[in-house]
Amino acid sequence: MRLRYHVCTTPAAVEDIQSADVKQSEVTVRWVPPKNDHGAQVIGYQISILLDPKPNEPPQWYRLCECTKSKTPVYVVANLKGNTAYLLDIRAVNKVGAGDAHEFQITTAPVAPDPPSK
């Protein structure tokens, strides 16, 4: 009797995350897929953002996308405030689940200053 099995786990971390197109209210982010899918093909990417805490509360991660519909390693983070830094967490996803985290800071484009008051 011969027994065959296939072991797979969640993918390795994505690599080389970069801001591709920076605007006041959105940032396009690109990355390189993980070098190792650990036995199961990558089906998409999970994207989370760390939001500013409310008074007396710790910062919280907010899931922007559970699993992208495309395997293309690009995502547009929208509805952001100008001239603000945000922390993203991008993970490759396979049939086992979301893989290792890769955190990356993005910063939106500057906002023109308000005119001087009289």
Foldseek 3Di string as FASTA:
>chain_A
DDDDDFDFAAAAFWADKDFDDFAQFKTKIFTHGGPGRRGFDFQFKWKWKWDDDDPPDDIDIDTPGQGDNDNHRMDMDGRHHGQDKIKMWMFTAGPNGTYDTDIDIDHHHHDDDDPDDD
